[in-house]
């Protein structure tokens, strides 16, 4: 599902205009810029991605109708729409891949405490070293730019070298149906509404 369809679904669920939600859904799907495959969802379609949305957009979003909504709830709905109603944690995505990915990750510990906290956050949230592919990759540099600014992204790029995140994502098995199945009922409802 593309981020415009997610925005239309948010409009239907939360009111306001679809454009009110576009940037949030664009961010949730920004991982497609690095892996144009359903595996891109591994990176942000989880509680870690929801946490990053709150960091980027704030706790509340006010839509064009003036109503305040929790960013957490909008981002969680994005996950549910793409993942058969699931809102997974990083552990749900990476539990079958930790041993296989560990050799590809060489953790970095920059002196700057803000950057250090940013790049270690996936590990701190999950306890799984494999989750560091999110921040220890070209996608991590992008996230640093989006969340911390260009200077932090450039600093991180000095520490990170290696395999593109798209290649590392291929090492994560998709064993559960929710990992590759969108909520087709919500899509159908949206299409039916559009054709009326």
Protein backbone atom coordinates (compact mmCIF):
# COMPACT_ATOMS: atom_id res chain seq x y z
CA UNK A 1 0.00 0.00 0.00
CA UNK A 2 1.37 3.45 -0.80
CA UNK A 3 1.47 6.38 1.60
CA UNK A 4 -1.36 8.20 -0.16
CA UNK A 5 -3.69 5.24 0.45
CA UNK A 6 -2.57 5.21 4.08
CA UNK A 7 -3.42 8.93 4.22
CA UNK A 8 -6.89 8.29 2.79
CA UNK A 9 -7.46 5.57 5.39
CA UNK A 10 -6.33 7.96 8.14
CA UNK A 11 -8.79 10.57 6.87
CA UNK A 12 -11.54 7.96 7.01
CA UNK A 13 -10.60 6.87 10.55
CA UNK A 14 -9.53 10.14 12.15
CA UNK A 15 -11.34 12.78 9.99
CA UNK A 16 -9.65 15.93 8.68
CA UNK A 17 -8.02 15.84 5.23
CA UNK A 18 -5.84 13.10 3.77
CA UNK A 19 -3.06 15.67 3.31
CA UNK A 20 -2.95 16.12 7.11
CA UNK A 21 -1.40 12.65 7.39
CA UNK A 22 0.74 12.51 4.27
CA UNK A 23 4.12 13.40 5.80
CA UNK A 24 3.75 10.91 8.64
CA UNK A 25 2.89 8.08 6.24
CA UNK A 26 5.65 9.15 3.85
CA UNK A 27 8.13 8.85 6.72
CA UNK A 28 6.80 5.41 7.73
CA UNK A 29 7.31 4.22 4.13
CA UNK A 30 10.62 6.04 3.57
CA UNK A 31 12.36 2.68 3.94
CA UNK A 32 11.08 1.91 0.41
CA UNK A 33 13.75 4.33 -0.83
CA UNK A 34 16.31 1.77 0.33
CA UNK A 35 14.49 -1.51 -0.31
CA UNK A 36 11.57 -1.56 -2.75
CA UNK A 37 10.25 -4.87 -1.46
CA UNK A 38 7.86 -5.80 1.35
CA UNK A 39 10.93 -6.36 3.53
CA UNK A 40 11.27 -2.57 3.80
CA UNK A 41 8.56 -2.84 6.49
CA UNK A 42 11.04 -4.54 8.83
CA UNK A 43 12.76 -1.18 9.39
CA UNK A 44 9.93 1.11 10.59
CA UNK A 45 6.69 -0.90 10.69
CA UNK A 46 7.07 -1.65 14.40
CA UNK A 47 7.01 0.06 17.79
CA UNK A 48 10.51 1.45 17.12
CA UNK A 49 9.21 3.16 13.96
CA UNK A 50 6.25 4.50 15.94
CA UNK A 51 8.68 5.91 18.51
CA UNK A 52 10.64 7.63 15.72
CA UNK A 53 7.41 9.14 14.36
CA UNK A 54 6.73 10.65 17.77
CA UNK A 55 10.28 12.04 17.85
CA UNK A 56 9.92 13.53 14.36
CA UNK A 57 6.33 14.81 14.45
CA UNK A 58 5.68 15.30 18.17
CA UNK A 59 3.21 13.55 20.43
CA UNK A 60 0.13 15.16 18.88
CA UNK A 61 -0.96 15.95 15.33
CA UNK A 62 -3.73 18.50 14.82
CA UNK A 63 -5.69 17.78 11.64
CA UNK A 64 -7.34 20.44 9.48
CA UNK A 65 -10.60 20.04 11.41
CA UNK A 66 -8.81 21.16 14.58
CA UNK A 67 -8.90 17.80 16.38
CA UNK A 68 -5.75 16.66 18.19
CA UNK A 69 -4.67 13.06 17.64
CA UNK A 70 -1.88 10.95 19.06
CA UNK A 71 0.85 10.43 16.47
CA UNK A 72 1.32 7.01 18.05
CA UNK A 73 -2.20 5.98 17.07
CA UNK A 74 -1.84 7.12 13.45
CA UNK A 75 1.51 5.32 13.06
CA UNK A 76 0.11 2.18 14.71
CA UNK A 77 -2.77 2.17 12.21
CA UNK A 78 -0.22 2.37 9.38
CA UNK A 79 1.38 -0.82 10.74
CA UNK A 80 -1.99 -2.55 11.11
CA UNK A 81 -2.99 -1.65 7.54
CA UNK A 82 0.18 -3.20 6.11
CA UNK A 83 0.60 -6.11 8.52
CA UNK A 84 -2.76 -7.87 8.80
CA UNK A 85 -3.70 -5.94 11.94
CA UNK A 86 -0.37 -6.43 13.74
CA UNK A 87 1.73 -3.78 15.49
CA UNK A 88 4.97 -5.71 16.00
CA UNK A 89 8.04 -4.91 18.05
CA UNK A 90 11.56 -5.16 16.68
CA UNK A 91 11.76 -8.56 18.40
CA UNK A 92 8.89 -9.88 16.28
CA UNK A 93 10.77 -8.99 13.08
CA UNK A 94 14.31 -9.94 14.11
CA UNK A 95 13.85 -12.98 16.39
CA UNK A 96 14.75 -15.46 13.63
CA UNK A 97 17.66 -13.43 12.29
CA UNK A 98 19.80 -12.35 15.24
CA UNK A 99 22.49 -15.03 14.90
CA UNK A 100 22.70 -14.74 11.11
CA UNK A 101 23.06 -10.97 11.06
CA UNK A 102 25.37 -10.52 14.04
CA UNK A 103 28.53 -11.01 11.96
CA UNK A 104 27.55 -8.17 9.61
CA UNK A 105 27.30 -5.59 12.37
CA UNK A 106 30.28 -3.80 13.82
CA UNK A 107 28.75 -1.51 16.47
CA UNK A 108 30.11 2.02 16.54
CA UNK A 109 30.26 4.21 19.60
CA UNK A 110 30.65 7.87 18.62
CA UNK A 111 31.71 10.35 21.29
CA UNK A 112 28.57 12.46 20.83
CA UNK A 113 25.94 11.18 23.29
CA UNK A 114 22.98 12.19 21.09
CA UNK A 115 24.32 10.23 18.13
CA UNK A 116 25.30 7.29 20.35
CA UNK A 117 21.77 7.08 21.79
CA UNK A 118 20.30 7.31 18.29
CA UNK A 119 22.36 4.50 16.80
CA UNK A 120 21.97 2.19 19.82
CA UNK A 121 18.21 2.73 20.24
CA UNK A 122 17.15 -0.40 18.27
CA UNK A 123 19.43 -2.56 20.45
CA UNK A 124 18.22 -0.87 23.63
CA UNK A 125 14.58 -1.45 22.65
CA UNK A 126 15.04 -5.10 21.64
CA UNK A 127 18.16 -6.56 23.18
CA UNK A 128 18.96 -7.99 19.72
CA UNK A 129 22.23 -6.99 18.06
CA UNK A 130 20.74 -7.69 14.62
CA UNK A 131 18.41 -4.69 14.96
CA UNK A 132 21.43 -2.42 14.61
CA UNK A 133 21.26 -2.91 10.83
CA UNK A 134 18.65 -0.15 10.97
CA UNK A 135 21.04 2.51 12.25
CA UNK A 136 24.36 0.98 11.17
CA UNK A 137 23.53 1.26 7.46
CA UNK A 138 22.77 3.68 4.68
CA UNK A 139 19.20 3.78 6.02
CA UNK A 140 20.54 4.80 9.43
CA UNK A 141 22.34 7.74 7.85
CA UNK A 142 19.05 8.80 6.25
CA UNK A 143 17.22 8.47 9.59
CA UNK A 144 19.90 10.54 11.31
CA UNK A 145 19.34 13.31 8.76
CA UNK A 146 15.57 13.16 9.20
CA UNK A 147 15.63 13.10 13.00
CA UNK A 148 18.85 14.80 14.09
CA UNK A 149 19.91 16.91 11.11
CA UNK A 150 22.53 16.92 8.40
CA UNK A 151 25.57 17.32 10.66
CA UNK A 152 24.72 14.18 12.62
CA UNK A 153 24.07 12.27 9.39
CA UNK A 154 27.46 13.29 8.03
CA UNK A 155 29.15 12.28 11.28
CA UNK A 156 27.41 8.90 11.25
CA UNK A 157 28.47 8.37 7.63
CA UNK A 158 32.10 8.60 8.82
CA UNK A 159 31.53 5.63 11.15
CA UNK A 160 29.37 3.43 8.92
CA UNK A 161 30.71 1.41 6.03
CA UNK A 162 29.44 -1.84 4.71
CA UNK A 163 26.63 -3.67 3.05
CA UNK A 164 23.52 -1.68 2.01
CA UNK A 165 20.51 -2.32 4.23
CA UNK A 166 18.61 -3.80 1.26
CA UNK A 167 21.08 -6.70 1.14
CA UNK A 168 20.96 -7.27 4.90
CA UNK A 169 17.16 -7.36 4.88
CA UNK A 170 17.33 -10.40 2.60
CA UNK A 171 18.83 -12.33 5.53
CA UNK A 172 15.69 -11.87 7.65
CA UNK A 173 13.20 -14.68 7.10
CA UNK A 174 9.52 -13.82 6.79
CA UNK A 175 7.93 -16.76 8.59
CA UNK A 176 4.65 -15.35 9.81
CA UNK A 177 1.68 -14.40 7.64
CA UNK A 178 1.30 -10.89 9.09
CA UNK A 179 4.83 -10.05 7.89
CA UNK A 180 3.83 -10.09 4.23
CA UNK A 181 0.04 -9.64 4.17
CA UNK A 182 -1.69 -6.25 4.18
CA UNK A 183 -5.18 -5.83 5.60
CA UNK A 184 -7.01 -6.31 2.31
CA UNK A 185 -10.41 -5.52 3.84
CA UNK A 186 -9.34 -1.95 4.57
CA UNK A 187 -8.04 -1.55 1.02
CA UNK A 188 -11.26 -2.95 -0.42
CA UNK A 189 -13.37 -0.63 1.75
CA UNK A 190 -11.32 2.32 0.50
CA UNK A 191 -11.73 1.27 -3.14
CA UNK A 192 -15.47 0.67 -2.70
CA UNK A 193 -15.86 4.12 -1.17
CA UNK A 194 -13.90 5.67 -4.04
CA UNK A 195 -16.16 4.05 -6.66
CA UNK A 196 -19.41 5.24 -5.06
